[in-house]
Amino acid sequence: MRLSFRFTFLLGLALPLSLAAQVFPVESGSAWRGIVYGIAGPIPVASVMCGDTTINTIKYSKIHQINYGFDGVYYNSFYRGCIRVDGQKVWVIASGLTEEILLYDFGVQVGDTLHLQFLEFDGVLDYYTESIEQIEIDGEMRKMIRFQTSYGIPDVWIEGIGSIMGPLDRGFFVIDAQPGLTCYLKDGTVIYKVEETQACESGLTCSIISSSEDVPHANAVKVFPNPADAAVWVESDVYGPIQVDIFAADGKLISKAEYPDGQMAQVNTKGLAPGIYLFRIAGKDNPSSSRFSRVAVVR
């Protein structure tokens, strides 16, 4: 994979310029386009920062995912989490959860090892820092940090943009649903492309986001184990029956079913092919309480 930039410098050259760069963009209007590569073909996906929220007196910026079908037609959006920047570190609270995890640490040095949790999925992976360079993007010098991971999948973080796997998908690896960043935009302007020849459409604005999916931590929900095999448990704070809709990565509704106990329900996933699915969980009598969770099925 070729990274697009005009100049590459050894770490240490033009360092004062690098220190001025923002480690991760949290302002509304920051947006990422990407592709999820699967056996069935590539599926477009996007993320956009829209608004902020306060949790335990701490201010966070909200990030949403926008999903498309194979044909590139929009089919829904959902709130994935909220982010804050603290010095060289970036922290995130996933949708439906209350504890933050470390998303990025741009203060690492060559030889350092990071122990990172996945955003929605169970497990921890190690990131081994292999090299740190300087690249120029949009007139600013940014760090470009290359890692090897404990899964054997390399990753690259770019200061002010995030992972080349996507802003929230660093380290993620499922054979039939591998995410990849296409480009980063700010207020509709293309700032960076992973490959110069790739298209990068504008049009990513907060007007796309559904207001019903813009309430952090309302009706918290947990789906486990994740990744899943034959079944998952859905745990929520909804009293009474719930409805669970399962969508494939291309937006197709795979199944929908009602469960009598919203606080703990077992959902059969035995009939699902390996891949990434979007679970929509809502109180049976309150569809506006919908919460979304990404679930990986692996075997």
C-alpha atoms as a PDB file:
ATOM      1  CA  MET A   1       0.000   0.000   0.000  1.00  0.00           C
ATOM      2  CA  ARG A   2       1.457   3.338  -1.062  1.00  0.00           C
ATOM      3  CA  LEU A   3       0.995   6.300   1.246  1.00  0.00           C
ATOM      4  CA  SER A   4       0.430   9.666  -0.394  1.00  0.00           C
ATOM      5  CA  PHE A   5       2.769  12.449   0.700  1.00  0.00           C
ATOM      6  CA  ARG A   6       5.278  14.873  -0.758  1.00  0.00           C
ATOM      7  CA  PHE A   7       8.213  14.629   1.594  1.00  0.00           C
ATOM      8  CA  THR A   8       9.491  12.107   4.096  1.00  0.00           C
ATOM      9  CA  PHE A   9      11.902  13.066   6.861  1.00  0.00           C
ATOM     10  CA  LEU A  10      13.641  11.185   9.615  1.00  0.00           C
ATOM     11  CA  LEU A  11      12.138  11.751  13.040  1.00  0.00           C
ATOM     12  CA  GLY A  12      13.762  14.784  14.576  1.00  0.00           C
ATOM     13  CA  LEU A  13      13.865  16.927  11.455  1.00  0.00           C
ATOM     14  CA  ALA A  14      11.288  19.727  11.528  1.00  0.00           C
ATOM     15  CA  LEU A  15      10.175  18.487  14.942  1.00  0.00           C
ATOM     16  CA  PRO A  16       8.783  21.829  16.154  1.00  0.00           C
ATOM     17  CA  LEU A  17       6.340  21.779  13.250  1.00  0.00           C
ATOM     18  CA  SER A  18       5.206  18.292  14.221  1.00  0.00           C
ATOM     19  CA  LEU A  19       4.494  19.355  17.766  1.00  0.00           C
ATOM     20  CA  ALA A  20       1.956  21.844  16.418  1.00  0.00           C
ATOM     21  CA  ALA A  21      -0.053  19.145  14.662  1.00  0.00           C
ATOM     22  CA  GLN A  22      -3.231  17.921  16.321  1.00  0.00           C
ATOM     23  CA  VAL A  23      -2.888  14.245  17.213  1.00  0.00           C
ATOM     24  CA  PHE A  24      -6.496  13.410  16.262  1.00  0.00           C
ATOM     25  CA  PRO A  25      -9.257  15.556  14.715  1.00  0.00           C
ATOM     26  CA  VAL A  26     -12.275  15.841  17.014  1.00  0.00           C
ATOM     27  CA  GLU A  27     -13.993  18.877  15.478  1.00  0.00           C
ATOM     28  CA  SER A  28     -17.355  18.456  13.757  1.00  0.00           C
ATOM     29  CA  GLY A  29     -16.809  18.167  10.022  1.00  0.00           C
ATOM     30  CA  SER A  30     -13.848  15.796  10.329  1.00  0.00           C
ATOM     31  CA  ALA A  31     -14.666  12.745   8.207  1.00  0.00           C
ATOM     32  CA  TRP A  32     -13.136   9.534   6.916  1.00  0.00           C
ATOM     33  CA  ARG A  33     -14.086   7.366   3.952  1.00  0.00           C
ATOM     34  CA  GLY A  34     -13.087   3.735   3.768  1.00  0.00           C
ATOM     35  CA  ILE A  35     -13.771   0.300   2.367  1.00  0.00           C
ATOM     36  CA  VAL A  36     -14.604  -2.968   4.116  1.00  0.00           C
ATOM     37  CA  TYR A  37     -13.033  -5.726   2.026  1.00  0.00           C
ATOM     38  CA  GLY A  38     -14.880  -9.046   2.104  1.00  0.00           C
ATOM     39  CA  ILE A  39     -15.353 -12.171   0.026  1.00  0.00           C
ATOM     40  CA  ALA A  40     -18.552 -10.740  -1.460  1.00  0.00           C
ATOM     41  CA  GLY A  41     -16.730  -7.597  -2.567  1.00  0.00           C
ATOM     42  CA  PRO A  42     -15.780  -4.136  -1.247  1.00  0.00           C
ATOM     43  CA  ILE A  43     -18.392  -2.180   0.720  1.00  0.00           C
ATOM     44  CA  PRO A  44     -18.065   1.610   1.224  1.00  0.00           C
ATOM     45  CA  VAL A  45     -18.170   2.939   4.781  1.00  0.00           C
ATOM     46  CA  ALA A  46     -17.589   6.341   6.362  1.00  0.00           C
ATOM     47  CA  SER A  47     -17.153   8.003   9.754  1.00  0.00           C
ATOM     48  CA  VAL A  48     -17.908  11.594  10.731  1.00  0.00           C
ATOM     49  CA  MET A  49     -17.428  13.702  13.864  1.00  0.00           C
ATOM     50  CA  CYS A  50     -20.664  15.440  14.850  1.00  0.00           C
ATOM     51  CA  GLY A  51     -21.214  17.378  18.054  1.00  0.00           C
ATOM     52  CA  ASP A  52     -20.060  16.735  21.592  1.00  0.00           C
ATOM     53  CA  THR A  53     -21.279  15.399  24.907  1.00  0.00           C
ATOM     54  CA  THR A  54     -20.238  15.482  28.564  1.00  0.00           C
ATOM     55  CA  ILE A  55     -19.751  12.295  30.558  1.00  0.00           C
ATOM     56  CA  ASN A  56     -18.693  12.436  34.207  1.00  0.00           C
ATOM     57  CA  THR A  57     -17.898  16.169  33.751  1.00  0.00           C
ATOM     58  CA  ILE A  58     -15.496  15.359  30.886  1.00  0.00           C
ATOM     59  CA  LYS A  59     -16.177  16.708  27.396  1.00  0.00           C
ATOM     60  CA  TYR A  60     -16.093  14.246  24.490  1.00  0.00           C
ATOM     61  CA  SER A  61     -16.651  14.576  20.745  1.00  0.00           C
ATOM     62  CA  LYS A  62     -19.103  12.162  19.099  1.00  0.00           C
ATOM     63  CA  ILE A  63     -18.233   9.972  16.122  1.00  0.00           C
ATOM     64  CA  HIS A  64     -20.783   8.225  13.916  1.00  0.00           C
ATOM     65  CA  GLN A  65     -20.473   5.501  11.292  1.00  0.00           C
ATOM     66  CA  ILE A  66     -22.271   5.774   7.961  1.00  0.00           C
ATOM     67  CA  ASN A  67     -23.072   2.552   6.120  1.00  0.00           C
ATOM     68  CA  TYR A  68     -23.642   1.994   2.414  1.00  0.00           C
ATOM     69  CA  GLY A  69     -24.646  -0.933   0.256  1.00  0.00           C
ATOM     70  CA  PHE A  70     -22.427  -2.531  -2.385  1.00  0.00           C
ATOM     71  CA  ASP A  71     -23.832   0.030  -4.819  1.00  0.00           C
ATOM     72  CA  GLY A  72     -22.651   2.933  -2.671  1.00  0.00           C
ATOM     73  CA  VAL A  73     -26.188   3.969  -1.685  1.00  0.00           C
ATOM     74  CA  TYR A  74     -26.566   5.203   1.898  1.00  0.00           C
ATOM     75  CA  TYR A  75     -28.707   2.985   4.131  1.00  0.00           C
ATOM     76  CA  ASN A  76     -28.108   4.070   7.739  1.00  0.00           C
ATOM     77  CA  SER A  77     -25.883   5.741  10.297  1.00  0.00           C
ATOM     78  CA  PHE A  78     -25.254   4.961  13.927  1.00  0.00           C
ATOM     79  CA  TYR A  79     -23.389   6.405  16.885  1.00  0.00           C
ATOM     80  CA  ARG A  80     -20.170   4.455  17.539  1.00  0.00           C
ATOM     81  CA  GLY A  81     -18.616   6.324  20.423  1.00  0.00           C
ATOM     82  CA  CYS A  82     -17.165   9.534  21.792  1.00  0.00           C
ATOM     83  CA  ILE A  83     -13.559  10.683  21.782  1.00  0.00           C
ATOM     84  CA  ARG A  84     -11.301  13.005  23.731  1.00  0.00           C
ATOM     85  CA  VAL A  85      -7.675  14.007  23.272  1.00  0.00           C
ATOM     86  CA  ASP A  86      -5.322  14.275  26.238  1.00  0.00           C
ATOM     87  CA  GLY A  87      -1.858  15.356  25.145  1.00  0.00           C
ATOM     88  CA  GLN A  88      -0.482  12.654  22.840  1.00  0.00           C
ATOM     89  CA  LYS A  89      -3.172  10.147  23.828  1.00  0.00           C
ATOM     90  CA  VAL A  90      -6.635   9.666  22.361  1.00  0.00           C
ATOM     91  CA  TRP A  91      -9.379   8.045  24.450  1.00  0.00           C
ATOM     92  CA  VAL A  92     -12.740   6.615  23.360  1.00  0.00           C
ATOM     93  CA  ILE A  93     -15.934   5.339  24.986  1.00  0.00           C
ATOM     94  CA  ALA A  94     -17.762   2.905  22.709  1.00  0.00           C
ATOM     95  CA  SER A  95     -21.506   3.218  22.194  1.00  0.00           C
ATOM     96  CA  GLY A  96     -23.425   1.524  24.997  1.00  0.00           C
ATOM     97  CA  LEU A  97     -20.431   1.411  27.344  1.00  0.00           C
ATOM     98  CA  THR A  98     -19.289   3.687  30.152  1.00  0.00           C
ATOM     99  CA  GLU A  99     -15.535   3.064  30.450  1.00  0.00           C
ATOM    100  CA  GLU A 100     -13.024   4.666  28.126  1.00  0.00           C
ATOM    101  CA  ILE A 101     -10.193   2.803  26.434  1.00  0.00           C
ATOM    102  CA  LEU A 102      -6.969   4.019  24.843  1.00  0.00           C
ATOM    103  CA  LEU A 103      -7.502   4.474  21.123  1.00  0.00           C
ATOM    104  CA  TYR A 104      -4.117   5.986  20.160  1.00  0.00           C
ATOM    105  CA  ASP A 105      -0.873   7.044  21.774  1.00  0.00           C
ATOM    106  CA  PHE A 106       1.173   9.253  19.462  1.00  0.00           C
ATOM    107  CA  GLY A 107       3.838   9.689  22.118  1.00  0.00           C
ATOM    108  CA  VAL A 108       5.334   6.216  21.575  1.00  0.00           C
ATOM    109  CA  GLN A 109       8.996   5.731  20.726  1.00  0.00           C
ATOM    110  CA  VAL A 110      10.595   3.140  18.461  1.00  0.00           C
ATOM    111  CA  GLY A 111      10.731  -0.160  20.368  1.00  0.00           C
ATOM    112  CA  ASP A 112       7.740   0.631  22.595  1.00  0.00           C
ATOM    113  CA  THR A 113       4.865  -1.843  22.942  1.00  0.00           C
ATOM    114  CA  LEU A 114       1.247  -0.773  23.393  1.00  0.00           C
ATOM    115  CA  HIS A 115      -1.421  -3.079  24.822  1.00  0.00           C
ATOM    116  CA  LEU A 116      -4.682  -2.015  23.175  1.00  0.00           C
ATOM    117  CA  GLN A 117      -8.269  -3.171  23.542  1.00  0.00           C
ATOM    118  CA  PHE A 118     -10.601  -3.428  20.585  1.00  0.00           C
ATOM    119  CA  LEU A 119     -13.416  -0.909  20.513  1.00  0.00           C
ATOM    120  CA  GLU A 120     -16.431  -3.251  20.304  1.00  0.00           C
ATOM    121  CA  PHE A 121     -14.848  -6.699  20.264  1.00  0.00           C
ATOM    122  CA  ASP A 122     -13.383  -8.780  23.059  1.00  0.00           C
ATOM    123  CA  GLY A 123      -9.634  -9.097  23.321  1.00  0.00           C
ATOM    124  CA  VAL A 124      -6.362  -7.187  23.623  1.00  0.00           C
ATOM    125  CA  LEU A 125      -3.634  -6.919  21.036  1.00  0.00           C
ATOM    126  CA  ASP A 126      -0.027  -5.753  21.239  1.00  0.00           C
ATOM    127  CA  TYR A 127       1.320  -3.014  18.999  1.00  0.00           C
ATOM    128  CA  TYR A 128       5.084  -3.061  18.450  1.00  0.00           C
ATOM    129  CA  THR A 129       6.490   0.298  17.325  1.00  0.00           C
ATOM    130  CA  GLU A 130       8.788  -0.304  14.320  1.00  0.00           C
ATOM    131  CA  SER A 131       9.512   3.167  12.944  1.00  0.00           C
ATOM    132  CA  ILE A 132       8.513   6.818  13.199  1.00  0.00           C
ATOM    133  CA  GLU A 133       8.863   9.240  10.292  1.00  0.00           C
ATOM    134  CA  GLN A 134       7.684  12.708   9.394  1.00  0.00           C
ATOM    135  CA  ILE A 135       5.423  13.397   6.421  1.00  0.00           C
ATOM    136  CA  GLU A 136       3.942  16.588   5.077  1.00  0.00           C
ATOM    137  CA  ILE A 137       0.148  16.697   4.745  1.00  0.00           C
ATOM    138  CA  ASP A 138      -1.773  19.847   3.885  1.00  0.00           C
ATOM    139  CA  GLY A 139       1.278  21.992   4.647  1.00  0.00           C
ATOM    140  CA  GLU A 140       1.931  20.485   8.090  1.00  0.00           C
ATOM    141  CA  MET A 141       4.482  17.972   9.266  1.00  0.00           C
ATOM    142  CA  ARG A 142       2.855  14.916  10.834  1.00  0.00           C
ATOM    143  CA  LYS A 143       4.177  11.803  12.528  1.00  0.00           C
ATOM    144  CA  MET A 144       3.702   8.558  10.626  1.00  0.00           C
ATOM    145  CA  ILE A 145       4.157   5.608  12.976  1.00  0.00           C
ATOM    146  CA  ARG A 146       4.521   2.062  11.648  1.00  0.00           C
ATOM    147  CA  PHE A 147       3.553  -0.874  13.862  1.00  0.00           C
ATOM    148  CA  GLN A 148       3.573  -4.626  13.765  1.00  0.00           C
ATOM    149  CA  THR A 149       0.789  -6.247  15.776  1.00  0.00           C
ATOM    150  CA  SER A 150       0.515  -9.473  17.736  1.00  0.00           C
ATOM    151  CA  TYR A 151      -1.877 -10.730  15.013  1.00  0.00           C
ATOM    152  CA  GLY A 152       0.843 -10.267  12.414  1.00  0.00           C
ATOM    153  CA  ILE A 153      -1.096  -7.499  10.639  1.00  0.00           C
ATOM    154  CA  PRO A 154       0.882  -4.253  10.181  1.00  0.00           C
ATOM    155  CA  ASP A 155      -0.726  -0.891  10.869  1.00  0.00           C
ATOM    156  CA  VAL A 156       0.207   2.739  10.262  1.00  0.00           C
ATOM    157  CA  TRP A 157      -0.965   5.709  12.328  1.00  0.00           C
ATOM    158  CA  ILE A 158      -0.840   9.207  10.919  1.00  0.00           C
ATOM    159  CA  GLU A 159      -0.902  12.139  13.303  1.00  0.00           C
ATOM    160  CA  GLY A 160      -4.032  14.208  12.818  1.00  0.00           C
ATOM    161  CA  ILE A 161      -5.831  11.391  10.947  1.00  0.00           C
ATOM    162  CA  GLY A 162      -5.553   8.051  12.762  1.00  0.00           C
ATOM    163  CA  SER A 163      -5.062   4.491  11.533  1.00  0.00           C
ATOM    164  CA  ILE A 164      -5.027   3.499   7.863  1.00  0.00           C
ATOM    165  CA  MET A 165      -7.552   0.830   8.915  1.00  0.00           C
ATOM    166  CA  GLY A 166     -10.010   3.582   9.860  1.00  0.00           C
ATOM    167  CA  PRO A 167     -10.366   6.005  12.786  1.00  0.00           C
ATOM    168  CA  LEU A 168     -11.878   3.442  15.194  1.00  0.00           C
ATOM    169  CA  ASP A 169     -10.696   0.190  13.621  1.00  0.00           C
ATOM    170  CA  ARG A 170      -7.003   0.140  14.444  1.00  0.00           C
ATOM    171  CA  GLY A 171      -5.774  -3.433  14.783  1.00  0.00           C
ATOM    172  CA  PHE A 172      -9.028  -4.955  13.593  1.00  0.00           C
ATOM    173  CA  PHE A 173      -8.727  -8.140  11.532  1.00  0.00           C
ATOM    174  CA  VAL A 174     -11.477 -10.474  10.320  1.00  0.00           C
ATOM    175  CA  ILE A 175     -10.814 -12.438   7.122  1.00  0.00           C
ATOM    176  CA  ASP A 176     -14.191 -11.627   5.548  1.00  0.00           C
ATOM    177  CA  ALA A 177     -14.447  -8.016   6.751  1.00  0.00           C
ATOM    178  CA  GLN A 178     -11.140  -6.167   6.670  1.00  0.00           C
ATOM    179  CA  PRO A 179     -11.496  -2.379   6.969  1.00  0.00           C
ATOM    180  CA  GLY A 180      -9.229   0.063   5.165  1.00  0.00           C
ATOM    181  CA  LEU A 181      -9.055   3.855   5.013  1.00  0.00           C
ATOM    182  CA  THR A 182      -9.536   5.546   1.649  1.00  0.00           C
ATOM    183  CA  CYS A 183      -9.233   9.224   2.572  1.00  0.00           C
ATOM    184  CA  TYR A 184      -9.653  11.883   5.242  1.00  0.00           C
ATOM    185  CA  LEU A 185     -11.687  15.061   4.739  1.00  0.00           C
ATOM    186  CA  LYS A 186     -12.182  18.255   6.689  1.00  0.00           C
ATOM    187  CA  ASP A 187     -15.350  20.279   6.046  1.00  0.00           C
ATOM    188  CA  GLY A 188     -15.744  18.549   2.685  1.00  0.00           C
ATOM    189  CA  THR A 189     -12.169  19.169   1.525  1.00  0.00           C
ATOM    190  CA  VAL A 190      -9.917  16.190   0.858  1.00  0.00           C
ATOM    191  CA  ILE A 191      -6.859  16.466   3.101  1.00  0.00           C
ATOM    192  CA  TYR A 192      -5.280  13.044   2.595  1.00  0.00           C
ATOM    193  CA  LYS A 193      -5.619   9.991   0.361  1.00  0.00           C
ATOM    194  CA  VAL A 194      -4.045   6.625   1.081  1.00  0.00           C
ATOM    195  CA  GLU A 195      -3.792   6.089  -2.680  1.00  0.00           C
ATOM    196  CA  GLU A 196      -3.777   9.081  -5.016  1.00  0.00           C
ATOM    197  CA  THR A 197      -5.768   7.198  -7.658  1.00  0.00           C
ATOM    198  CA  GLN A 198      -8.664   6.445  -5.302  1.00  0.00           C
ATOM    199  CA  ALA A 199     -11.831   8.516  -5.533  1.00  0.00           C
ATOM    200  CA  CYS A 200     -12.803  10.515  -2.440  1.00  0.00           C
ATOM    201  CA  GLU A 201     -16.262  12.030  -2.605  1.00  0.00           C
ATOM    202  CA  SER A 202     -17.297  14.895  -0.346  1.00  0.00           C
ATOM    203  CA  GLY A 203     -20.806  15.166   1.069  1.00  0.00           C
ATOM    204  CA  LEU A 204     -20.039  13.798   4.532  1.00  0.00           C
ATOM    205  CA  THR A 205     -21.889  16.190   6.830  1.00  0.00           C
ATOM    206  CA  CYS A 206     -23.694  15.955  10.145  1.00  0.00           C
ATOM    207  CA  SER A 207     -27.030  16.331   8.326  1.00  0.00           C
ATOM    208  CA  ILE A 208     -26.714  12.639   7.387  1.00  0.00           C
ATOM    209  CA  ILE A 209     -26.817  11.553  11.019  1.00  0.00           C
ATOM    210  CA  SER A 210     -30.205  10.462  12.349  1.00  0.00           C
ATOM    211  CA  SER A 211     -31.171  12.334  15.518  1.00  0.00           C
ATOM    212  CA  SER A 212     -32.594   9.114  16.981  1.00  0.00           C
ATOM    213  CA  GLU A 213     -29.108   7.605  16.895  1.00  0.00           C
ATOM    214  CA  ASP A 214     -27.320  10.573  18.430  1.00  0.00           C
ATOM    215  CA  VAL A 215     -27.764   9.944  22.162  1.00  0.00           C
ATOM    216  CA  PRO A 216     -24.596   8.543  23.793  1.00  0.00           C
ATOM    217  CA  HIS A 217     -25.174   5.869  26.416  1.00  0.00           C
ATOM    218  CA  ALA A 218     -28.968   5.967  26.279  1.00  0.00           C
ATOM    219  CA  ASN A 219     -30.261   2.413  26.722  1.00  0.00           C
ATOM    220  CA  ALA A 220     -26.789   0.952  27.134  1.00  0.00           C
ATOM    221  CA  VAL A 221     -26.328  -2.423  25.482  1.00  0.00           C
ATOM    222  CA  LYS A 222     -23.629  -5.079  25.499  1.00  0.00           C
ATOM    223  CA  VAL A 223     -23.339  -7.978  23.051  1.00  0.00           C
ATOM    224  CA  PHE A 224     -21.015 -10.847  23.992  1.00  0.00           C
ATOM    225  CA  PRO A 225     -19.019 -12.897  23.235  1.00  0.00           C
ATOM    226  CA  ASN A 226     -17.742 -10.801  20.379  1.00  0.00           C
ATOM    227  CA  PRO A 227     -16.393 -12.272  18.096  1.00  0.00           C
ATOM    228  CA  ALA A 228     -19.183 -14.840  18.161  1.00  0.00           C
ATOM    229  CA  ASP A 229     -19.719 -18.383  16.902  1.00  0.00           C
ATOM    230  CA  ALA A 230     -23.085 -20.081  17.527  1.00  0.00           C
ATOM    231  CA  ALA A 231     -24.801 -17.503  19.750  1.00  0.00           C
ATOM    232  CA  VAL A 232     -24.431 -14.179  21.558  1.00  0.00           C
ATOM    233  CA  TRP A 233     -26.001 -12.693  24.659  1.00  0.00           C
ATOM    234  CA  VAL A 234     -27.588  -9.263  24.455  1.00  0.00           C
ATOM    235  CA  GLU A 235     -27.534  -7.422  27.784  1.00  0.00           C
ATOM    236  CA  SER A 236     -29.307  -4.070  28.038  1.00  0.00           C
ATOM    237  CA  ASP A 237     -31.052  -1.782  30.494  1.00  0.00           C
ATOM    238  CA  VAL A 238     -34.379  -2.189  28.695  1.00  0.00           C
ATOM    239  CA  TYR A 239     -37.067  -3.671  30.935  1.00  0.00           C
ATOM    240  CA  GLY A 240     -39.463  -5.919  29.077  1.00  0.00           C
ATOM    241  CA  PRO A 241     -39.284  -7.349  25.539  1.00  0.00           C
ATOM    242  CA  ILE A 242     -36.820  -6.205  22.897  1.00  0.00           C
ATOM    243  CA  GLN A 243     -36.524  -6.586  19.143  1.00  0.00           C
ATOM    244  CA  VAL A 244     -33.196  -7.515  17.580  1.00  0.00           C
ATOM    245  CA  ASP A 245     -32.648  -6.852  13.876  1.00  0.00           C
ATOM    246  CA  ILE A 246     -29.496  -8.209  12.221  1.00  0.00           C
ATOM    247  CA  PHE A 247     -28.082  -6.543   9.109  1.00  0.00           C
ATOM    248  CA  ALA A 248     -25.301  -7.787   6.825  1.00  0.00           C
ATOM    249  CA  ALA A 249     -22.420  -5.488   5.940  1.00  0.00           C
ATOM    250  CA  ASP A 250     -24.190  -4.415   2.740  1.00  0.00           C
ATOM    251  CA  GLY A 251     -27.290  -3.268   4.636  1.00  0.00           C
ATOM    252  CA  LYS A 252     -29.487  -6.281   3.884  1.00  0.00           C
ATOM    253  CA  LEU A 253     -31.789  -7.273   6.738  1.00  0.00           C
ATOM    254  CA  ILE A 254     -30.864 -10.863   7.619  1.00  0.00           C
ATOM    255  CA  SER A 255     -33.275 -11.519  10.467  1.00  0.00           C
ATOM    256  CA  LYS A 256     -35.522  -9.896  13.043  1.00  0.00           C
ATOM    257  CA  ALA A 257     -36.884 -11.422  16.216  1.00  0.00           C
ATOM    258  CA  GLU A 258     -38.423 -10.487  19.550  1.00  0.00           C
ATOM    259  CA  TYR A 259     -37.104 -11.601  22.930  1.00  0.00           C
ATOM    260  CA  PRO A 260     -39.094 -11.423  26.191  1.00  0.00           C
ATOM    261  CA  ASP A 261     -36.302 -10.178  28.475  1.00  0.00           C
ATOM    262  CA  GLY A 262     -34.370  -7.141  27.295  1.00  0.00           C
ATOM    263  CA  GLN A 263     -31.963  -7.338  30.200  1.00  0.00           C
ATOM    264  CA  MET A 264     -30.566 -10.677  29.021  1.00  0.00           C
ATOM    265  CA  ALA A 265     -31.442 -12.364  25.723  1.00  0.00           C
ATOM    266  CA  GLN A 266     -29.667 -15.114  23.788  1.00  0.00           C
ATOM    267  CA  VAL A 267     -29.528 -14.590  20.017  1.00  0.00           C
ATOM    268  CA  ASN A 268     -28.696 -17.516  17.741  1.00  0.00           C
ATOM    269  CA  THR A 269     -25.914 -16.732  15.231  1.00  0.00           C
ATOM    270  CA  LYS A 270     -25.307 -20.301  14.067  1.00  0.00           C
ATOM    271  CA  GLY A 271     -26.903 -19.633  10.681  1.00  0.00           C
ATOM    272  CA  LEU A 272     -24.795 -16.530   9.943  1.00  0.00           C
ATOM    273  CA  ALA A 273     -21.819 -16.801   7.623  1.00  0.00           C
ATOM    274  CA  PRO A 274     -18.501 -15.478   8.979  1.00  0.00           C
ATOM    275  CA  GLY A 275     -18.280 -11.698   8.698  1.00  0.00           C
ATOM    276  CA  ILE A 276     -19.356  -8.428  10.316  1.00  0.00           C
ATOM    277  CA  TYR A 277     -23.004  -7.798  11.209  1.00  0.00           C
ATOM    278  CA  LEU A 278     -24.867  -4.821  12.590  1.00  0.00           C
ATOM    279  CA  PHE A 279     -27.284  -5.591  15.427  1.00  0.00           C
ATOM    280  CA  ARG A 280     -30.091  -3.093  16.013  1.00  0.00           C
ATOM    281  CA  ILE A 281     -31.581  -3.512  19.470  1.00  0.00           C
ATOM    282  CA  ALA A 282     -34.666  -1.636  20.676  1.00  0.00           C
ATOM    283  CA  GLY A 283     -37.444  -1.924  23.200  1.00  0.00           C
ATOM    284  CA  LYS A 284     -40.440  -3.620  21.564  1.00  0.00           C
ATOM    285  CA  ASP A 285     -42.710  -0.710  22.492  1.00  0.00           C
ATOM    286  CA  ASN A 286     -40.098   2.007  21.973  1.00  0.00           C
ATOM    287  CA  PRO A 287     -38.437   1.795  18.537  1.00  0.00           C
ATOM    288  CA  SER A 288     -36.778   5.193  19.056  1.00  0.00           C
ATOM    289  CA  SER A 289     -34.590   3.577  21.740  1.00  0.00           C
ATOM    290  CA  SER A 290     -32.579   1.756  19.050  1.00  0.00           C
ATOM    291  CA  ARG A 291     -28.950   1.031  19.845  1.00  0.00           C
ATOM    292  CA  PHE A 292     -26.475  -0.489  17.401  1.00  0.00           C
ATOM    293  CA  SER A 293     -23.647  -2.925  17.970  1.00  0.00           C
ATOM    294  CA  ARG A 294     -21.188  -4.449  15.494  1.00  0.00           C
ATOM    295  CA  VAL A 295     -20.708  -8.176  15.897  1.00  0.00           C
ATOM    296  CA  ALA A 296     -18.063 -10.341  14.223  1.00  0.00           C
ATOM    297  CA  VAL A 297     -18.962 -13.951  13.474  1.00  0.00           C
ATOM    298  CA  VAL A 298     -15.898 -16.169  13.123  1.00  0.00           C
ATOM    299  CA  ARG A 299     -15.415 -19.934  12.918  1.00  0.00           C
END
